[in-house]
PDB file of N, CA and C in Angstrom:
ATOM      1  N   MET A   1     -38.615 129.900-210.215  1.00  0.00           N
ATOM      2  CA  MET A   1     -37.923 130.682-211.221  1.00  0.00           C
ATOM      3  C   MET A   1     -37.406 131.947-210.555  1.00  0.00           C
ATOM      4  N   TRP A   2     -36.307 132.479-211.045  1.00  0.00           N
ATOM      5  CA  TRP A   2     -35.695 133.631-210.412  1.00  0.00           C
ATOM      6  C   TRP A   2     -35.636 134.798-211.378  1.00  0.00           C
ATOM      7  N   ASP A   3     -35.769 136.007-210.833  1.00  0.00           N
ATOM      8  CA  ASP A   3     -35.633 137.189-211.667  1.00  0.00           C
ATOM      9  C   ASP A   3     -34.164 137.564-211.766  1.00  0.00           C
ATOM     10  N   LYS A   4     -33.858 138.664-212.427  1.00  0.00           N
ATOM     11  CA  LYS A   4     -32.459 139.041-212.675  1.00  0.00           C
ATOM     12  C   LYS A   4     -31.665 139.337-211.412  1.00  0.00           C
ATOM     13  N   ASP A   5     -32.360 139.672-210.306  1.00  0.00           N
ATOM     14  CA  ASP A   5     -31.674 139.968-209.052  1.00  0.00           C
ATOM     15  C   ASP A   5     -31.557 138.756-208.137  1.00  0.00           C
ATOM     16  N   GLY A   6     -31.987 137.589-208.627  1.00  0.00           N
ATOM     17  CA  GLY A   6     -31.900 136.380-207.831  1.00  0.00           C
ATOM     18  C   GLY A   6     -33.056 136.196-206.862  1.00  0.00           C
ATOM     19  N   GLU A   7     -34.058 137.043-206.966  1.00  0.00           N
ATOM     20  CA  GLU A   7     -35.231 136.914-206.102  1.00  0.00           C
ATOM     21  C   GLU A   7     -36.131 135.808-206.636  1.00  0.00           C
ATOM     22  N   SER A   8     -36.911 135.230-205.752  1.00  0.00           N
ATOM     23  CA  SER A   8     -37.788 134.141-206.172  1.00  0.00           C
ATOM     24  C   SER A   8     -39.043 134.680-206.842  1.00  0.00           C
ATOM     25  N   MET A   9     -39.672 133.797-207.600  1.00  0.00           N
ATOM     26  CA  MET A   9     -40.914 134.128-208.285  1.00  0.00           C
ATOM     27  C   MET A   9     -41.929 133.026-208.015  1.00  0.00           C
ATOM     28  N   ILE A  10     -43.182 133.378-208.111  1.00  0.00           N
ATOM     29  CA  ILE A  10     -44.253 132.396-207.980  1.00  0.00           C
ATOM     30  C   ILE A  10     -44.843 132.175-209.358  1.00  0.00           C
ATOM     31  N   ILE A  11     -44.935 130.916-209.759  1.00  0.00           N
ATOM     32  CA  ILE A  11     -45.519 130.563-211.049  1.00  0.00           C
ATOM     33  C   ILE A  11     -46.745 129.700-210.768  1.00  0.00           C
ATOM     34  N   SER A  12     -47.869 130.078-211.319  1.00  0.00           N
ATOM     35  CA  SER A  12     -49.106 129.317-211.150  1.00  0.00           C
ATOM     36  C   SER A  12     -49.487 128.677-212.469  1.00  0.00           C
ATOM     37  N   VAL A  13     -49.909 127.435-212.405  1.00  0.00           N
ATOM     38  CA  VAL A  13     -50.410 126.721-213.577  1.00  0.00           C
ATOM     39  C   VAL A  13     -51.874 126.426-213.282  1.00  0.00           C
ATOM     40  N   ALA A  14     -52.776 127.037-214.063  1.00  0.00           N
ATOM     41  CA  ALA A  14     -54.200 126.904-213.767  1.00  0.00           C
ATOM     42  C   ALA A  14     -55.025 126.824-215.040  1.00  0.00           C
ATOM     43  N   SER A  15     -56.188 126.230-214.891  1.00  0.00           N
ATOM     44  CA  SER A  15     -57.155 126.150-215.977  1.00  0.00           C
ATOM     45  C   SER A  15     -58.501 125.812-215.366  1.00  0.00           C
ATOM     46  N   GLY A  16     -59.553 126.297-215.970  1.00  0.00           N
ATOM     47  CA  GLY A  16     -60.890 125.985-215.481  1.00  0.00           C
ATOM     48  C   GLY A  16     -61.392 124.640-215.964  1.00  0.00           C
ATOM     49  N   LYS A  17     -60.651 124.011-216.841  1.00  0.00           N
ATOM     50  CA  LYS A  17     -61.083 122.750-217.428  1.00  0.00           C
ATOM     51  C   LYS A  17     -60.144 121.634-216.972  1.00  0.00           C
ATOM     52  N   GLY A  18     -60.684 120.466-216.798  1.00  0.00           N
ATOM     53  CA  GLY A  18     -59.871 119.322-216.419  1.00  0.00           C
ATOM     54  C   GLY A  18     -59.180 118.695-217.613  1.00  0.00           C
ATOM     55  N   ARG A  19     -58.178 117.858-217.320  1.00  0.00           N
ATOM     56  CA  ARG A  19     -57.456 117.081-218.336  1.00  0.00           C
ATOM     57  C   ARG A  19     -56.805 117.949-219.417  1.00  0.00           C
ATOM     58  N   THR A  20     -56.212 119.082-218.985  1.00  0.00           N
ATOM     59  CA  THR A  20     -55.537 119.970-219.933  1.00  0.00           C
ATOM     60  C   THR A  20     -54.019 119.884-219.836  1.00  0.00           C
ATOM     61  N   GLY A  21     -53.507 119.095-218.891  1.00  0.00           N
ATOM     62  CA  GLY A  21     -52.064 118.939-218.756  1.00  0.00           C
ATOM     63  C   GLY A  21     -51.438 119.813-217.693  1.00  0.00           C
ATOM     64  N   LYS A  22     -52.230 120.359-216.786  1.00  0.00           N
ATOM     65  CA  LYS A  22     -51.700 121.228-215.735  1.00  0.00           C
ATOM     66  C   LYS A  22     -50.681 120.505-214.863  1.00  0.00           C
ATOM     67  N   THR A  23     -51.008 119.283-214.451  1.00  0.00           N
ATOM     68  CA  THR A  23     -50.112 118.525-213.581  1.00  0.00           C
ATOM     69  C   THR A  23     -48.809 118.209-214.302  1.00  0.00           C
ATOM     70  N   LEU A  24     -48.894 117.822-215.549  1.00  0.00           N
ATOM     71  CA  LEU A  24     -47.688 117.533-216.327  1.00  0.00           C
ATOM     72  C   LEU A  24     -46.804 118.767-216.456  1.00  0.00           C
ATOM     73  N   VAL A  25     -47.406 119.906-216.751  1.00  0.00           N
ATOM     74  CA  VAL A  25     -46.633 121.150-216.891  1.00  0.00           C
ATOM     75  C   VAL A  25     -46.023 121.556-215.555  1.00  0.00           C
ATOM     76  N   ALA A  26     -46.820 121.524-214.483  1.00  0.00           N
ATOM     77  CA  ALA A  26     -46.335 121.958-213.171  1.00  0.00           C
ATOM     78  C   ALA A  26     -45.208 121.072-212.648  1.00  0.00           C
ATOM     79  N   THR A  27     -45.374 119.763-212.760  1.00  0.00           N
ATOM     80  CA  THR A  27     -44.332 118.863-212.259  1.00  0.00           C
ATOM     81  C   THR A  27     -43.076 118.927-213.132  1.00  0.00           C
ATOM     82  N   SER A  28     -43.239 119.051-214.424  1.00  0.00           N
ATOM     83  CA  SER A  28     -42.079 119.164-215.317  1.00  0.00           C
ATOM     84  C   SER A  28     -41.315 120.450-215.042  1.00  0.00           C
ATOM     85  N   LEU A  29     -42.045 121.524-214.817  1.00  0.00           N
ATOM     86  CA  LEU A  29     -41.412 122.808-214.510  1.00  0.00           C
ATOM     87  C   LEU A  29     -40.652 122.728-213.185  1.00  0.00           C
ATOM     88  N   ALA A  30     -41.290 122.138-212.174  1.00  0.00           N
ATOM     89  CA  ALA A  30     -40.626 122.004-210.870  1.00  0.00           C
ATOM     90  C   ALA A  30     -39.356 121.167-210.975  1.00  0.00           C
ATOM     91  N   LEU A  31     -39.434 120.054-211.692  1.00  0.00           N
ATOM     92  CA  LEU A  31     -38.251 119.200-211.857  1.00  0.00           C
ATOM     93  C   LEU A  31     -37.142 119.898-212.624  1.00  0.00           C
ATOM     94  N   SER A  32     -37.497 120.680-213.623  1.00  0.00           N
ATOM     95  CA  SER A  32     -36.473 121.359-214.426  1.00  0.00           C
ATOM     96  C   SER A  32     -35.806 122.494-213.650  1.00  0.00           C
ATOM     97  N   LEU A  33     -36.498 123.056-212.656  1.00  0.00           N
ATOM     98  CA  LEU A  33     -35.941 124.179-211.893  1.00  0.00           C
ATOM     99  C   LEU A  33     -35.259 123.770-210.596  1.00  0.00           C
ATOM    100  N   LYS A  34     -35.389 122.512-210.194  1.00  0.00           N
ATOM    101  CA  LYS A  34     -34.853 122.107-208.890  1.00  0.00           C
ATOM    102  C   LYS A  34     -33.334 122.259-208.800  1.00  0.00           C
ATOM    103  N   GLU A  35     -32.636 122.207-209.909  1.00  0.00           N
ATOM    104  CA  GLU A  35     -31.177 122.376-209.903  1.00  0.00           C
ATOM    105  C   GLU A  35     -30.774 123.810-209.537  1.00  0.00           C
ATOM    106  N   ARG A  36     -31.691 124.760-209.727  1.00  0.00           N
ATOM    107  CA  ARG A  36     -31.381 126.169-209.486  1.00  0.00           C
ATOM    108  C   ARG A  36     -31.579 126.584-208.040  1.00  0.00           C
ATOM    109  N   GLY A  37     -32.131 125.702-207.219  1.00  0.00           N
ATOM    110  CA  GLY A  37     -32.331 126.055-205.817  1.00  0.00           C
ATOM    111  C   GLY A  37     -33.604 125.471-205.265  1.00  0.00           C
ATOM    112  N   ASN A  38     -34.108 126.119-204.243  1.00  0.00           N
ATOM    113  CA  ASN A  38     -35.287 125.649-203.527  1.00  0.00           C
ATOM    114  C   ASN A  38     -36.537 125.822-204.390  1.00  0.00           C
ATOM    115  N   VAL A  39     -37.192 124.722-204.692  1.00  0.00           N
ATOM    116  CA  VAL A  39     -38.435 124.741-205.466  1.00  0.00           C
ATOM    117  C   VAL A  39     -39.521 124.117-204.615  1.00  0.00           C
ATOM    118  N   GLN A  40     -40.645 124.770-204.549  1.00  0.00           N
ATOM    119  CA  GLN A  40     -41.782 124.233-203.815  1.00  0.00           C
ATOM    120  C   GLN A  40     -42.933 124.054-204.791  1.00  0.00           C
ATOM    121  N   LEU A  41     -43.579 122.907-204.728  1.00  0.00           N
ATOM    122  CA  LEU A  41     -44.704 122.599-205.599  1.00  0.00           C
ATOM    123  C   LEU A  41     -45.918 122.326-204.724  1.00  0.00           C
ATOM    124  N   LEU A  42     -46.979 123.060-204.946  1.00  0.00           N
ATOM    125  CA  LEU A  42     -48.199 122.907-204.157  1.00  0.00           C
ATOM    126  C   LEU A  42     -49.329 122.511-205.096  1.00  0.00           C
ATOM    127  N   ASP A  43     -49.873 121.336-204.891  1.00  0.00           N
ATOM    128  CA  ASP A  43     -50.983 120.838-205.706  1.00  0.00           C
ATOM    129  C   ASP A  43     -52.277 121.219-204.995  1.00  0.00           C
ATOM    130  N   CYS A  44     -52.995 122.184-205.528  1.00  0.00           N
ATOM    131  CA  CYS A  44     -54.209 122.700-204.879  1.00  0.00           C
ATOM    132  C   CYS A  44     -55.486 122.051-205.400  1.00  0.00           C
ATOM    133  N   ASP A  45     -55.365 120.969-206.125  1.00  0.00           N
ATOM    134  CA  ASP A  45     -56.546 120.283-206.624  1.00  0.00           C
ATOM    135  C   ASP A  45     -57.217 119.574-205.446  1.00  0.00           C
ATOM    136  N   VAL A  46     -58.412 120.013-205.084  1.00  0.00           N
ATOM    137  CA  VAL A  46     -59.096 119.480-203.913  1.00  0.00           C
ATOM    138  C   VAL A  46     -59.587 118.054-204.159  1.00  0.00           C
ATOM    139  N   GLU A  47     -60.042 117.777-205.369  1.00  0.00           N
ATOM    140  CA  GLU A  47     -60.640 116.476-205.644  1.00  0.00           C
ATOM    141  C   GLU A  47     -59.625 115.403-206.024  1.00  0.00           C
ATOM    142  N   GLU A  48     -58.653 115.737-206.852  1.00  0.00           N
ATOM    143  CA  GLU A  48     -57.669 114.738-207.288  1.00  0.00           C
ATOM    144  C   GLU A  48     -56.276 115.333-207.401  1.00  0.00           C
ATOM    145  N   PRO A  49     -55.588 115.564-206.275  1.00  0.00           N
ATOM    146  CA  PRO A  49     -54.197 116.030-206.369  1.00  0.00           C
ATOM    147  C   PRO A  49     -53.312 114.882-206.857  1.00  0.00           C
ATOM    148  N   ASN A  50     -52.675 115.057-208.006  1.00  0.00           N
ATOM    149  CA  ASN A  50     -51.936 113.951-208.623  1.00  0.00           C
ATOM    150  C   ASN A  50     -50.447 114.222-208.845  1.00  0.00           C
ATOM    151  N   ASP A  51     -49.909 115.284-208.281  1.00  0.00           N
ATOM    152  CA  ASP A  51     -48.480 115.554-208.483  1.00  0.00           C
ATOM    153  C   ASP A  51     -47.619 114.387-208.024  1.00  0.00           C
ATOM    154  N   HIS A  52     -48.047 113.709-206.967  1.00  0.00           N
ATOM    155  CA  HIS A  52     -47.270 112.580-206.433  1.00  0.00           C
ATOM    156  C   HIS A  52     -47.135 111.445-207.446  1.00  0.00           C
ATOM    157  N   VAL A  53     -48.079 111.326-208.371  1.00  0.00           N
ATOM    158  CA  VAL A  53     -48.013 110.264-209.383  1.00  0.00           C
ATOM    159  C   VAL A  53     -46.800 110.486-210.292  1.00  0.00           C
ATOM    160  N   PHE A  54     -46.528 111.738-210.612  1.00  0.00           N
ATOM    161  CA  PHE A  54     -45.404 112.071-211.487  1.00  0.00           C
ATOM    162  C   PHE A  54     -44.077 112.099-210.730  1.00  0.00           C
ATOM    163  N   LEU A  55     -44.102 112.560-209.479  1.00  0.00           N
ATOM    164  CA  LEU A  55     -42.857 112.796-208.748  1.00  0.00           C
ATOM    165  C   LEU A  55     -42.424 111.641-207.859  1.00  0.00           C
ATOM    166  N   LYS A  56     -43.351 110.797-207.418  1.00  0.00           N
ATOM    167  CA  LYS A  56     -43.068 109.672-206.539  1.00  0.00           C
ATOM    168  C   LYS A  56     -42.209 110.079-205.333  1.00  0.00           C
ATOM    169  N   PRO A  57     -42.712 111.020-204.521  1.00  0.00           N
ATOM    170  CA  PRO A  57     -41.911 111.512-203.394  1.00  0.00           C
ATOM    171  C   PRO A  57     -41.820 110.499-202.256  1.00  0.00           C
ATOM    172  N   ILE A  58     -40.784 110.643-201.457  1.00  0.00           N
ATOM    173  CA  ILE A  58     -40.668 109.889-200.214  1.00  0.00           C
ATOM    174  C   ILE A  58     -41.230 110.807-199.131  1.00  0.00           C
ATOM    175  N   ILE A  59     -42.372 110.446-198.585  1.00  0.00           N
ATOM    176  CA  ILE A  59     -43.047 111.300-197.608  1.00  0.00           C
ATOM    177  C   ILE A  59     -42.471 111.007-196.227  1.00  0.00           C
ATOM    178  N   THR A  60     -41.896 112.032-195.604  1.00  0.00           N
ATOM    179  CA  THR A  60     -41.256 111.880-194.297  1.00  0.00           C
ATOM    180  C   THR A  60     -42.130 112.361-193.153  1.00  0.00           C
ATOM    181  N   ARG A  61     -43.140 113.179-193.451  1.00  0.00           N
ATOM    182  CA  ARG A  61     -44.058 113.624-192.408  1.00  0.00           C
ATOM    183  C   ARG A  61     -45.364 114.070-193.059  1.00  0.00           C
ATOM    184  N   SER A  62     -46.395 114.129-192.268  1.00  0.00           N
ATOM    185  CA  SER A  62     -47.671 114.622-192.767  1.00  0.00           C
ATOM    186  C   SER A  62     -48.372 115.377-191.650  1.00  0.00           C
ATOM    187  N   GLU A  63     -49.303 116.236-192.030  1.00  0.00           N
ATOM    188  CA  GLU A  63     -50.073 117.012-191.075  1.00  0.00           C
ATOM    189  C   GLU A  63     -51.544 116.926-191.462  1.00  0.00           C
ATOM    190  N   ILE A  64     -52.394 116.887-190.471  1.00  0.00           N
ATOM    191  CA  ILE A  64     -53.826 116.900-190.730  1.00  0.00           C
ATOM    192  C   ILE A  64     -54.244 118.348-190.943  1.00  0.00           C
ATOM    193  N   ALA A  65     -54.942 118.590-192.033  1.00  0.00           N
ATOM    194  CA  ALA A  65     -55.453 119.931-192.327  1.00  0.00           C
ATOM    195  C   ALA A  65     -56.970 119.887-192.234  1.00  0.00           C
ATOM    196  N   SER A  66     -57.520 120.837-191.525  1.00  0.00           N
ATOM    197  CA  SER A  66     -58.978 120.866-191.392  1.00  0.00           C
ATOM    198  C   SER A  66     -59.447 122.295-191.192  1.00  0.00           C
ATOM    199  N   ILE A  67     -60.736 122.468-191.321  1.00  0.00           N
ATOM    200  CA  ILE A  67     -61.359 123.755-191.079  1.00  0.00           C
ATOM    201  C   ILE A  67     -62.261 123.590-189.861  1.00  0.00           C
ATOM    202  N   PRO A  68     -62.032 124.388-188.834  1.00  0.00           N
ATOM    203  CA  PRO A  68     -62.878 124.242-187.649  1.00  0.00           C
ATOM    204  C   PRO A  68     -64.329 124.612-187.966  1.00  0.00           C
ATOM    205  N   VAL A  69     -65.247 123.839-187.426  1.00  0.00           N
ATOM    206  CA  VAL A  69     -66.673 124.105-187.602  1.00  0.00           C
ATOM    207  C   VAL A  69     -67.195 124.696-186.302  1.00  0.00           C
ATOM    208  N   PRO A  70     -67.749 125.904-186.383  1.00  0.00           N
ATOM    209  CA  PRO A  70     -68.212 126.529-185.130  1.00  0.00           C
ATOM    210  C   PRO A  70     -69.413 125.794-184.541  1.00  0.00           C
ATOM    211  N   LYS A  71     -69.488 125.796-183.210  1.00  0.00           N
ATOM    212  CA  LYS A  71     -70.639 125.228-182.517  1.00  0.00           C
ATOM    213  C   LYS A  71     -71.637 126.357-182.277  1.00  0.00           C
ATOM    214  N   VAL A  72     -72.885 126.098-182.556  1.00  0.00           N
ATOM    215  CA  VAL A  72     -73.934 127.086-182.329  1.00  0.00           C
ATOM    216  C   VAL A  72     -74.566 126.817-180.970  1.00  0.00           C
ATOM    217  N   ASP A  73     -74.549 127.846-180.137  1.00  0.00           N
ATOM    218  CA  ASP A  73     -75.203 127.751-178.839  1.00  0.00           C
ATOM    219  C   ASP A  73     -76.675 128.096-179.067  1.00  0.00           C
ATOM    220  N   GLU A  74     -77.518 127.096-179.119  1.00  0.00           N
ATOM    221  CA  GLU A  74     -78.948 127.273-179.425  1.00  0.00           C
ATOM    222  C   GLU A  74     -79.637 128.214-178.436  1.00  0.00           C
ATOM    223  N   ASP A  75     -79.166 128.238-177.172  1.00  0.00           N
ATOM    224  CA  ASP A  75     -79.785 129.099-176.166  1.00  0.00           C
ATOM    225  C   ASP A  75     -79.516 130.580-176.425  1.00  0.00           C
ATOM    226  N   LYS A  76     -78.395 130.886-177.067  1.00  0.00           N
ATOM    227  CA  LYS A  76     -78.042 132.282-177.337  1.00  0.00           C
ATOM    228  C   LYS A  76     -78.396 132.718-178.756  1.00  0.00           C
ATOM    229  N   CYS A  77     -78.745 131.787-179.603  1.00  0.00           N
ATOM    230  CA  CYS A  77     -79.010 132.106-181.004  1.00  0.00           C
ATOM    231  C   CYS A  77     -80.388 132.760-181.148  1.00  0.00           C
ATOM    232  N   THR A  78     -80.411 133.875-181.888  1.00  0.00           N
ATOM    233  CA  THR A  78     -81.685 134.565-182.148  1.00  0.00           C
ATOM    234  C   THR A  78     -82.113 134.349-183.591  1.00  0.00           C
ATOM    235  N   TYR A  79     -81.431 133.462-184.276  1.00  0.00           N
ATOM    236  CA  TYR A  79     -81.709 133.166-185.683  1.00  0.00           C
ATOM    237  C   TYR A  79     -81.699 134.441-186.533  1.00  0.00           C
ATOM    238  N   CYS A  80     -80.689 135.255-186.286  1.00  0.00           N
ATOM    239  CA  CYS A  80     -80.441 136.508-187.025  1.00  0.00           C
ATOM    240  C   CYS A  80     -81.577 137.517-186.911  1.00  0.00           C
ATOM    241  N   ALA A  81     -82.255 137.502-185.775  1.00  0.00           N
ATOM    242  CA  ALA A  81     -83.361 138.458-185.585  1.00  0.00           C
ATOM    243  C   ALA A  81     -82.789 139.811-185.381  1.00  0.00           C
TER     244      ALA A  81
END
């Protein structure tokens, strides 16, 4: 969505409860705004991201996302002494 000066805006659709229609609202909003320019939709649902069910995108690339897990050097660890 754009403000009066043509600058972009960030719109978040959130709820603490499941099955409230967040995905339907977010995907419908993204589809309705795509004619106005660049729209990005980020599904942050860790357990069941379902935006693809509504949008049926053609995926051209993917990236592996991970969080590095530190290695503990047992010889140097003082167990927080």
